[in-house]
Amino acid sequence: MPIAADAGRANATRQELERIAADAESAASVAVAGQQLRESKLRAAAAIRERLREGDFHPGDRIVLAIQGDLSLNDTVVVRPGPALSVLSLPDDSLRGVLRSELQSHLATWVTHYYKNARVRATPLIRLGVLGEVNHPGYYRVPVDISVSDAIMTAGGPTQRAEMPRTVVRRRSSELLSKAAVRDAIAVGSTLEQLGLDAGDELLLSAKKERSWMNIVQIASLATGVVLSLNLSRRF
């Protein structure tokens, strides 16, 4: 389940979210704030408070986990109901209240509690749709620190009919980022995290606008007819 659109960026820290929530609550309490603005700020603060309380992880989420040392593991593990993580013979670890930005340190503390010399690297994945004119459209689990271009290559890259400058980002059927914003992001190599993308968002590549030969012939015939009509009218 993706976080709310106004609940902060995917890899936001706890301190950052606390500050944003406090700012939103402060703005909502200002006497001159209109009712609509007040409600919007309160919704944003509530979404962030819920995220801080519940964390970022839900059953079915995936984490690339590498452990070296006395315990060895290099695999993609799935978050279980709870939400919790089960790794080899270790007791289950609860992920309730854990943010993506806290995952690395959280899991390192958990593993080294049982294996002192273990070295842990954890990378959370989000479910991203890469749709439209790509060779293998679908939903993929990707890290948020990859570029938009790399995310597109995850789906086999653009087809020959794709027009990259017309790519947009959708969130729940609404346009989140315009084609101009995505074009600029691809040009400078922006990551999904920098663009504020989260689980469930969709990259949509559009096809080039092409006119069929039939349409061209019809347009040419119409133009010829207009010219002939004008010539005849001049004669009479």
Protein backbone atom coordinates (compact mmCIF):
# COMPACT_ATOMS: atom_id res chain seq x y z
CA MET A 1 0.00 0.00 0.00
CA PRO A 2 1.65 3.28 -1.10
CA ILE A 3 1.94 6.16 1.28
CA ALA A 4 -0.33 9.16 0.77
CA ALA A 5 0.79 11.65 -1.85
CA ASP A 6 1.28 14.34 0.80
CA ALA A 7 3.11 12.14 3.33
CA GLY A 8 6.65 13.06 2.25
CA ARG A 9 9.22 11.60 -0.11
CA ALA A 10 9.93 7.88 -0.18
CA ASN A 11 13.26 7.97 1.67
CA ALA A 12 12.47 10.83 4.05
CA THR A 13 14.08 10.71 7.49
CA ARG A 14 12.09 10.77 10.72
CA GLN A 15 13.41 14.23 11.55
CA GLU A 16 12.38 15.53 8.13
CA LEU A 17 8.87 14.11 8.46
CA GLU A 18 8.48 15.45 11.99
CA ARG A 19 9.42 18.92 10.72
CA ILE A 20 7.03 18.75 7.78
CA ALA A 21 4.16 17.58 10.01
CA ALA A 22 4.84 20.34 12.53
CA ASP A 23 4.97 22.97 9.77
CA ALA A 24 1.67 21.74 8.34
CA GLU A 25 0.00 21.81 11.76
CA SER A 26 1.36 25.28 12.41
CA ALA A 27 0.06 26.54 9.06
CA ALA A 28 -3.37 25.06 9.80
CA SER A 29 -3.55 26.91 13.12
CA VAL A 30 -2.94 30.37 11.64
CA ALA A 31 -6.05 32.50 12.05
CA VAL A 32 -5.91 33.92 8.53
CA ALA A 33 -5.79 30.48 6.91
CA GLY A 34 -8.92 29.68 4.90
CA GLN A 35 -11.00 26.61 5.67
CA GLN A 36 -9.85 24.77 2.55
CA LEU A 37 -6.17 25.45 3.27
CA ARG A 38 -6.62 24.48 6.91
CA GLU A 39 -8.19 21.14 5.99
CA SER A 40 -5.48 20.45 3.40
CA LYS A 41 -2.70 21.12 5.91
CA LEU A 42 -4.38 18.97 8.56
CA ARG A 43 -4.74 16.08 6.10
CA ALA A 44 -1.06 16.36 5.19
CA ALA A 45 -0.02 16.38 8.85
CA ALA A 46 -2.27 13.41 9.63
CA ALA A 47 -0.81 11.41 6.72
CA ILE A 48 2.71 12.06 7.95
CA ARG A 49 1.85 11.22 11.57
CA GLU A 50 0.36 7.93 10.41
CA ARG A 51 3.48 7.15 8.39
CA LEU A 52 5.70 7.89 11.39
CA ARG A 53 3.56 5.60 13.52
CA GLU A 54 3.07 2.70 11.10
CA GLY A 55 6.27 2.90 9.05
CA ASP A 56 6.77 2.30 5.33
CA PHE A 57 6.57 -1.48 5.07
CA HIS A 58 3.61 -3.71 4.29
CA PRO A 59 3.18 -7.46 3.66
CA GLY A 60 4.45 -8.35 0.21
CA ASP A 61 7.09 -5.63 0.07
CA ARG A 62 10.55 -6.81 -0.97
CA ILE A 63 13.98 -6.00 0.42
CA VAL A 64 17.34 -6.88 -1.13
CA LEU A 65 19.31 -8.12 1.86
CA ALA A 66 23.01 -8.98 1.91
CA ILE A 67 24.64 -10.30 5.09
CA GLN A 68 28.29 -11.25 5.36
CA GLY A 69 30.17 -12.70 8.30
CA ASP A 70 29.16 -15.51 10.63
CA LEU A 71 25.76 -15.46 8.91
CA SER A 72 25.76 -15.41 5.11
CA LEU A 73 22.82 -14.33 2.95
CA ASN A 74 22.38 -12.54 -0.37
CA ASP A 75 18.76 -12.62 -1.44
CA THR A 76 15.54 -10.70 -1.93
CA VAL A 77 13.33 -11.28 1.10
CA VAL A 78 9.59 -10.67 1.34
CA VAL A 79 7.93 -8.77 4.18
CA ARG A 80 5.46 -10.97 6.01
CA PRO A 81 2.21 -9.95 7.77
CA GLY A 82 2.88 -7.94 10.88
CA PRO A 83 4.73 -6.42 9.07
CA ALA A 84 7.72 -8.60 9.92
CA LEU A 85 10.84 -10.06 8.39
CA SER A 86 11.99 -13.65 8.71
CA VAL A 87 15.59 -14.47 7.79
CA LEU A 88 17.08 -17.96 8.04
CA SER A 89 17.05 -19.13 11.69
CA LEU A 90 16.74 -15.68 13.26
CA PRO A 91 13.62 -14.77 15.25
CA ASP A 92 11.12 -12.64 13.31
CA ASP A 93 11.86 -8.93 13.28
CA SER A 94 8.99 -6.44 13.39
CA LEU A 95 9.09 -3.62 10.82
CA ARG A 96 6.16 -1.72 12.26
CA GLY A 97 7.09 1.93 12.57
CA VAL A 98 10.29 1.52 10.51
CA LEU A 99 10.83 4.02 7.68
CA ARG A 100 12.73 3.19 4.51
CA SER A 101 15.44 5.61 5.56
CA GLU A 102 15.83 3.66 8.83
CA LEU A 103 15.87 0.15 7.36
CA GLN A 104 19.64 -0.23 6.98
CA SER A 105 20.46 0.69 10.59
CA HIS A 106 17.42 -1.17 11.93
CA LEU A 107 18.34 -4.46 10.27
CA ALA A 108 22.02 -4.05 11.12
CA THR A 109 21.09 -3.72 14.80
CA TRP A 110 18.76 -6.71 14.58
CA VAL A 111 21.27 -9.05 12.88
CA THR A 112 24.30 -8.03 14.95
CA HIS A 113 22.32 -8.69 18.12
CA TYR A 114 22.72 -12.38 17.22
CA TYR A 115 25.85 -12.31 15.04
CA LYS A 116 28.31 -9.67 16.26
CA ASN A 117 30.60 -9.72 13.22
CA ALA A 118 27.86 -9.57 10.59
CA ARG A 119 27.89 -6.84 7.95
CA VAL A 120 24.45 -5.92 6.67
CA ARG A 121 23.30 -4.11 3.56
CA ALA A 122 19.56 -3.61 2.97
CA THR A 123 17.88 -2.01 -0.04
CA PRO A 124 14.09 -1.58 0.00
CA LEU A 125 12.26 -1.94 -3.30
CA ILE A 126 9.09 -0.21 -4.48
CA ARG A 127 6.56 -1.56 -6.99
CA LEU A 128 6.68 0.71 -10.05
CA GLY A 129 4.62 0.46 -13.23
CA VAL A 130 6.58 0.87 -16.48
CA LEU A 131 3.87 0.89 -19.11
CA GLY A 132 3.08 1.87 -22.67
CA GLU A 133 5.74 1.75 -25.36
CA VAL A 134 8.32 -0.46 -23.61
CA ASN A 135 9.31 -3.95 -24.70
CA HIS A 136 8.05 -5.64 -21.53
CA PRO A 137 5.37 -3.46 -19.91
CA GLY A 138 4.42 -4.34 -16.37
CA TYR A 139 5.07 -3.67 -12.70
CA TYR A 140 8.61 -4.07 -11.38
CA ARG A 141 10.27 -3.97 -7.97
CA VAL A 142 12.99 -1.35 -8.12
CA PRO A 143 15.07 0.70 -5.65
CA VAL A 144 14.15 4.37 -5.41
CA ASP A 145 17.73 5.51 -5.98
CA ILE A 146 17.84 4.44 -9.65
CA SER A 147 17.38 6.92 -12.48
CA VAL A 148 14.23 7.20 -14.58
CA SER A 149 16.20 5.87 -17.57
CA ASP A 150 17.31 2.80 -15.61
CA ALA A 151 13.73 2.18 -14.51
CA ILE A 152 12.64 2.21 -18.14
CA MET A 153 15.42 -0.25 -19.04
CA THR A 154 14.09 -2.59 -16.35
CA ALA A 155 11.12 -3.13 -18.67
CA GLY A 156 13.34 -3.88 -21.66
CA GLY A 157 13.75 -0.29 -22.80
CA PRO A 158 11.58 1.78 -25.17
CA THR A 159 10.13 0.30 -28.35
CA GLN A 160 10.88 1.77 -31.77
CA ARG A 161 7.49 3.49 -31.65
CA ALA A 162 8.19 5.20 -28.31
CA GLU A 163 8.59 8.95 -28.09
CA MET A 164 10.59 9.50 -24.90
CA PRO A 165 9.84 13.25 -24.59
CA ARG A 166 6.13 12.35 -24.17
CA THR A 167 6.69 10.17 -21.08
CA VAL A 168 4.60 11.10 -18.02
CA VAL A 169 4.24 9.77 -14.46
CA ARG A 170 0.80 8.80 -13.17
CA ARG A 171 -0.40 8.25 -9.63
CA ARG A 172 -3.81 6.61 -9.19
CA SER A 173 -4.96 7.60 -12.72
CA SER A 174 -3.91 11.25 -12.26
CA GLU A 175 -0.86 12.85 -13.84
CA LEU A 176 1.82 13.34 -11.18
CA LEU A 177 4.63 14.61 -13.42
CA SER A 178 4.17 16.22 -16.82
CA LYS A 179 6.07 15.21 -19.94
CA ALA A 180 8.22 18.33 -19.57
CA ALA A 181 9.16 17.41 -15.99
CA VAL A 182 9.99 13.82 -16.93
CA ARG A 183 11.98 14.95 -19.97
CA ASP A 184 14.09 17.23 -17.79
CA ALA A 185 14.53 14.45 -15.19
CA ILE A 186 15.81 12.03 -17.84
CA ALA A 187 18.17 14.67 -19.21
CA VAL A 188 19.88 15.29 -15.85
CA GLY A 189 19.68 11.71 -14.59
CA SER A 190 17.26 12.32 -11.71
CA THR A 191 16.36 9.34 -9.53
CA LEU A 192 12.89 8.11 -8.61
CA GLU A 193 13.56 9.35 -5.08
CA GLN A 194 14.42 12.85 -6.27
CA LEU A 195 11.17 12.98 -8.23
CA GLY A 196 9.10 11.88 -5.24
CA LEU A 197 7.94 8.61 -6.83
CA ASP A 198 6.52 5.93 -4.56
CA ALA A 199 5.01 2.45 -4.67
CA GLY A 200 2.19 2.16 -7.20
CA ASP A 201 3.27 5.07 -9.40
CA GLU A 202 3.47 4.49 -13.16
CA LEU A 203 5.89 5.60 -15.86
CA LEU A 204 3.89 5.79 -19.09
CA LEU A 205 5.72 5.98 -22.42
CA SER A 206 3.61 7.22 -25.32
CA ALA A 207 3.92 6.31 -28.99
CA LYS A 208 4.98 8.69 -31.72
CA LYS A 209 2.15 10.45 -33.46
CA GLU A 210 1.95 8.88 -36.90
CA ARG A 211 -0.38 9.54 -39.78
CA SER A 212 -1.39 6.57 -41.86
CA TRP A 213 -1.08 6.67 -45.64
CA MET A 214 -4.86 6.51 -45.88
CA ASN A 215 -5.18 9.72 -43.84
CA ILE A 216 -2.55 11.42 -45.97
CA VAL A 217 -4.36 10.41 -49.19
CA GLN A 218 -7.68 11.64 -47.81
CA ILE A 219 -6.16 14.99 -46.79
CA ALA A 220 -4.47 15.34 -50.20
CA SER A 221 -7.73 14.51 -52.02
CA LEU A 222 -9.63 17.03 -49.94
CA ALA A 223 -7.05 19.72 -50.65
CA THR A 224 -7.18 18.95 -54.41
CA GLY A 225 -10.97 19.16 -54.35
CA VAL A 226 -10.86 22.55 -52.67
CA VAL A 227 -8.39 23.87 -55.28
CA LEU A 228 -10.54 22.61 -58.17
CA SER A 229 -13.65 24.16 -56.68
CA LEU A 230 -11.91 27.50 -56.34
CA ASN A 231 -10.70 27.38 -59.97
CA LEU A 232 -14.18 26.55 -61.25
CA SER A 233 -15.77 29.32 -59.23
CA ARG A 234 -13.34 31.84 -60.71
CA ARG A 235 -14.32 30.80 -64.27
CA PHE A 236 -17.94 31.54 -63.61
